[in-house]
Amino acid sequence: MTTVYSPAEDSYLLIKHIRALARGSVLDMGTGSGIQAVTAAEKTEVSRVVAVDIDPNAIKAAKQRALEKGVENKIVFVLSDLFNNVEGRFDWIVFNPPYLPSEGETNDLSWVGGETGRETIERFLEEAGDHLIEGGSILLIYSSESNLDLREYGYQWEILEEEYLFFETLYCAQLKPV
């Protein structure tokens, strides 16, 4: 069962850094409700946004959010399992992935990132560098619950901000291909 992810602490942490850093072309991977795509599209420094999700209901929700905010003409919506249907290169790729470990049979793809919580992020990082222009960057949200070690993936990275919650720490990282 999958539900469209409702914006929460992780969403708002990423929004802060999209507002500060995003410019040029932006790919919002796993757009969910579209909050990241709309935030990027509202910036005059952003020329275009591609919003991607594996869930048709998420694409529908993101389109509705873009329409309500008046930025629907600046966003292209793509139904895709990560990069499968994505073409082109971008200045920025933003991703608030499903990052929590599986809890058994009640997994919801909007928040479960696999058995360890890292699997979706690992698949993303394998291909993301091929979709960045030279000098491009990734903004990635992840949780201490997924035990992710960014040193393993061939990117320079910096933790921009940490947010401590009662059961986990959220990280917003900026990554650049080496």
Foldseek 3Di string as FASTA:
>chain_A
DADQDDDDPLNVVLLVVLLVDDAEEEEEEQCRLQPSVLSNLVDPRYQAYEYEHQDPVSLVNNCVVCVVSVRNVRYHYYNDLQCPPPDAAGQEYEYAAQQAADPPDVDYRRRHCYNLSCNSVLVNLVCNQVRHDVNHKYWYKYKVSSVDDVVPRQWDKDFPDWDDDPPIIMTIMITHHD
